[in-house]
Amino acid sequence: MLGSWQEESRKCLDIDDGWTTAQCLEDILTRFPALKSLASCLTLALNDSYVDKNAPPMLVRDGDELALIPPISGD
């Protein structure tokens, strides 16, 4: 499933002013329901900085880059 998702990995997301990282993630999961099964293990990054899931949601501004990082493993 990730292979097909990676083929379309760059998307521009139009959001309302004042949206947070949590609201963006919820919107992405609604637009791409196949990702819902990975939601608990996805990591978010905002402008190249990881988003702490336990911290309050961060505000996303025009021009920001929000990345969904899938689970990875390796040595």
N, C-alpha and C. Protein backbone atom coordinates (compact mmCIF):
# COMPACT_ATOMS: atom_id res chain seq x y z
N MET A 1 0.81 -1.19 0.00
CA MET A 1 0.00 0.00 0.00
C MET A 1 0.86 1.26 0.00
N LEU A 2 1.96 1.24 0.73
CA LEU A 2 2.79 2.44 0.77
C LEU A 2 3.37 2.75 -0.60
N GLY A 3 3.65 1.71 -1.40
CA GLY A 3 4.19 1.95 -2.73
C GLY A 3 3.28 2.83 -3.55
N SER A 4 1.99 2.53 -3.56
CA SER A 4 1.05 3.34 -4.33
C SER A 4 0.90 4.73 -3.72
N TRP A 5 1.00 4.83 -2.41
CA TRP A 5 0.91 6.12 -1.75
C TRP A 5 2.13 6.97 -2.09
N GLN A 6 3.31 6.35 -2.13
CA GLN A 6 4.53 7.10 -2.40
C GLN A 6 4.55 7.66 -3.81
N GLU A 7 3.88 6.98 -4.74
CA GLU A 7 3.82 7.50 -6.11
C GLU A 7 3.14 8.86 -6.16
N GLU A 8 2.25 9.11 -5.24
CA GLU A 8 1.54 10.39 -5.17
C GLU A 8 1.90 11.10 -3.88
N SER A 9 3.15 11.06 -3.50
CA SER A 9 3.55 11.51 -2.17
C SER A 9 3.50 13.02 -1.96
N ARG A 10 3.57 13.80 -3.00
CA ARG A 10 3.53 15.25 -2.82
C ARG A 10 2.15 15.77 -3.21
N LYS A 11 1.48 16.31 -2.24
CA LYS A 11 0.15 16.90 -2.46
C LYS A 11 0.12 18.27 -1.83
N CYS A 12 -0.56 19.17 -2.48
CA CYS A 12 -0.78 20.48 -1.91
C CYS A 12 -2.14 20.44 -1.20
N LEU A 13 -2.17 20.84 0.03
CA LEU A 13 -3.38 20.78 0.84
C LEU A 13 -3.85 22.20 1.12
N ASP A 14 -5.04 22.52 0.63
CA ASP A 14 -5.63 23.81 0.93
C ASP A 14 -6.37 23.71 2.25
N ILE A 15 -5.96 24.54 3.20
CA ILE A 15 -6.57 24.49 4.53
C ILE A 15 -7.07 25.88 4.91
N ASP A 16 -7.93 25.89 5.91
CA ASP A 16 -8.43 27.16 6.43
C ASP A 16 -7.39 27.79 7.34
N ASP A 17 -7.41 29.12 7.43
CA ASP A 17 -6.53 29.82 8.36
C ASP A 17 -6.78 29.30 9.77
N GLY A 18 -5.71 29.11 10.51
CA GLY A 18 -5.83 28.70 11.89
C GLY A 18 -5.85 27.19 12.11
N TRP A 19 -5.72 26.39 11.04
CA TRP A 19 -5.72 24.94 11.22
C TRP A 19 -4.45 24.50 11.93
N THR A 20 -4.58 23.42 12.66
CA THR A 20 -3.45 22.85 13.39
C THR A 20 -2.97 21.58 12.69
N THR A 21 -1.84 21.07 13.17
CA THR A 21 -1.32 19.82 12.63
C THR A 21 -2.34 18.70 12.80
N ALA A 22 -3.03 18.66 13.92
CA ALA A 22 -4.03 17.61 14.16
C ALA A 22 -5.19 17.72 13.17
N GLN A 23 -5.65 18.93 12.89
CA GLN A 23 -6.73 19.11 11.92
C GLN A 23 -6.28 18.72 10.52
N CYS A 24 -5.05 19.05 10.17
CA CYS A 24 -4.52 18.66 8.86
C CYS A 24 -4.45 17.15 8.73
N LEU A 25 -3.96 16.48 9.78
CA LEU A 25 -3.88 15.03 9.74
C LEU A 25 -5.26 14.42 9.57
N GLU A 26 -6.23 14.90 10.30
CA GLU A 26 -7.59 14.39 10.19
C GLU A 26 -8.13 14.58 8.77
N ASP A 27 -7.85 15.74 8.17
CA ASP A 27 -8.29 16.01 6.81
C ASP A 27 -7.61 15.06 5.82
N ILE A 28 -6.34 14.82 6.00
CA ILE A 28 -5.60 13.90 5.12
C ILE A 28 -6.16 12.49 5.24
N LEU A 29 -6.45 12.05 6.45
CA LEU A 29 -6.99 10.70 6.66
C LEU A 29 -8.38 10.57 6.05
N THR A 30 -9.13 11.67 6.01
CA THR A 30 -10.44 11.66 5.37
C THR A 30 -10.29 11.58 3.84
N ARG A 31 -9.33 12.30 3.30
CA ARG A 31 -9.11 12.30 1.85
C ARG A 31 -8.48 11.00 1.35
N PHE A 32 -7.66 10.38 2.20
CA PHE A 32 -6.96 9.15 1.84
C PHE A 32 -7.26 8.07 2.89
N PRO A 33 -8.44 7.47 2.83
CA PRO A 33 -8.87 6.53 3.86
C PRO A 33 -7.95 5.32 4.03
N ALA A 34 -7.19 4.97 3.01
CA ALA A 34 -6.26 3.84 3.12
C ALA A 34 -5.18 4.10 4.17
N LEU A 35 -4.94 5.36 4.49
CA LEU A 35 -3.93 5.70 5.50
C LEU A 35 -4.43 5.53 6.93
N LYS A 36 -5.74 5.42 7.12
CA LYS A 36 -6.30 5.33 8.47
C LYS A 36 -5.72 4.17 9.26
N SER A 37 -5.43 3.06 8.57
CA SER A 37 -4.88 1.90 9.28
C SER A 37 -3.46 2.17 9.79
N LEU A 38 -2.79 3.18 9.24
CA LEU A 38 -1.44 3.53 9.68
C LEU A 38 -1.42 4.73 10.63
N ALA A 39 -2.55 5.33 10.87
CA ALA A 39 -2.60 6.60 11.61
C ALA A 39 -1.87 6.54 12.94
N SER A 40 -1.99 5.45 13.67
CA SER A 40 -1.37 5.38 15.00
C SER A 40 0.15 5.29 14.92
N CYS A 41 0.69 4.88 13.77
CA CYS A 41 2.15 4.76 13.67
C CYS A 41 2.78 5.78 12.74
N LEU A 42 1.99 6.70 12.21
CA LEU A 42 2.56 7.78 11.40
C LEU A 42 3.19 8.83 12.31
N THR A 43 4.27 9.42 11.84
CA THR A 43 4.89 10.54 12.53
C THR A 43 4.71 11.76 11.63
N LEU A 44 4.42 12.88 12.25
CA LEU A 44 4.28 14.14 11.50
C LEU A 44 5.54 14.97 11.65
N ALA A 45 5.86 15.68 10.59
CA ALA A 45 6.93 16.68 10.65
C ALA A 45 6.39 17.96 10.04
N LEU A 46 6.67 19.06 10.68
CA LEU A 46 6.26 20.37 10.19
C LEU A 46 7.52 21.17 9.93
N ASN A 47 7.73 21.52 8.67
CA ASN A 47 8.93 22.27 8.27
C ASN A 47 10.21 21.59 8.77
N ASP A 48 10.31 20.30 8.51
CA ASP A 48 11.50 19.49 8.82
C ASP A 48 11.73 19.25 10.31
N SER A 49 10.75 19.53 11.15
CA SER A 49 10.86 19.25 12.59
C SER A 49 9.75 18.30 12.99
N TYR A 50 10.11 17.24 13.70
CA TYR A 50 9.10 16.29 14.14
C TYR A 50 8.10 16.96 15.07
N VAL A 51 6.85 16.53 14.95
CA VAL A 51 5.76 17.03 15.79
C VAL A 51 5.54 16.03 16.92
N ASP A 52 5.65 16.48 18.15
CA ASP A 52 5.44 15.62 19.32
C ASP A 52 3.95 15.35 19.47
N LYS A 53 3.57 14.06 19.41
CA LYS A 53 2.15 13.70 19.50
C LYS A 53 1.53 14.07 20.84
N ASN A 54 2.35 14.22 21.87
CA ASN A 54 1.85 14.54 23.21
C ASN A 54 1.79 16.04 23.48
N ALA A 55 2.36 16.82 22.58
CA ALA A 55 2.35 18.28 22.75
C ALA A 55 1.07 18.85 22.13
N PRO A 56 0.71 20.06 22.51
CA PRO A 56 -0.45 20.68 21.88
C PRO A 56 -0.23 20.79 20.37
N PRO A 57 -1.30 20.67 19.57
CA PRO A 57 -1.15 20.78 18.11
C PRO A 57 -0.52 22.12 17.72
N MET A 58 0.27 22.07 16.67
CA MET A 58 0.95 23.27 16.18
C MET A 58 0.14 23.91 15.06
N LEU A 59 0.20 25.22 14.97
CA LEU A 59 -0.49 25.97 13.92
C LEU A 59 0.27 25.80 12.61
N VAL A 60 -0.48 25.52 11.54
CA VAL A 60 0.10 25.38 10.20
C VAL A 60 -0.21 26.65 9.42
N ARG A 61 0.83 27.24 8.86
CA ARG A 61 0.67 28.50 8.14
C ARG A 61 0.88 28.31 6.64
N ASP A 62 0.45 29.28 5.86
CA ASP A 62 0.62 29.26 4.41
C ASP A 62 2.10 29.07 4.08
N GLY A 63 2.39 28.11 3.22
CA GLY A 63 3.76 27.85 2.80
C GLY A 63 4.48 26.81 3.64
N ASP A 64 3.89 26.39 4.77
CA ASP A 64 4.51 25.36 5.60
C ASP A 64 4.49 24.02 4.88
N GLU A 65 5.42 23.17 5.23
CA GLU A 65 5.46 21.81 4.69
C GLU A 65 5.16 20.83 5.82
N LEU A 66 4.12 20.05 5.62
CA LEU A 66 3.72 19.03 6.59
C LEU A 66 4.00 17.68 5.96
N ALA A 67 4.78 16.86 6.63
CA ALA A 67 5.15 15.55 6.10
C ALA A 67 4.59 14.45 6.99
N LEU A 68 4.08 13.41 6.36
CA LEU A 68 3.66 12.20 7.06
C LEU A 68 4.78 11.20 6.87
N ILE A 69 5.32 10.73 7.95
CA ILE A 69 6.45 9.79 7.90
C ILE A 69 5.93 8.43 8.31
N PRO A 70 5.97 7.46 7.37
CA PRO A 70 5.45 6.12 7.68
C PRO A 70 6.40 5.39 8.62
N PRO A 71 5.92 4.32 9.22
CA PRO A 71 6.79 3.53 10.09
C PRO A 71 7.94 2.95 9.27
N ILE A 72 9.12 2.98 9.86
CA ILE A 72 10.29 2.42 9.19
C ILE A 72 11.02 1.49 10.16
N SER A 73 11.77 0.61 9.60
CA SER A 73 12.58 -0.27 10.44
C SER A 73 13.91 -0.49 9.75
N GLY A 74 14.84 -0.97 10.48
CA GLY A 74 16.17 -1.22 9.92
C GLY A 74 17.18 -1.38 11.02
N ASP A 75 18.38 -1.64 10.60
CA ASP A 75 19.47 -1.83 11.56
C ASP A 75 20.18 -0.54 11.86
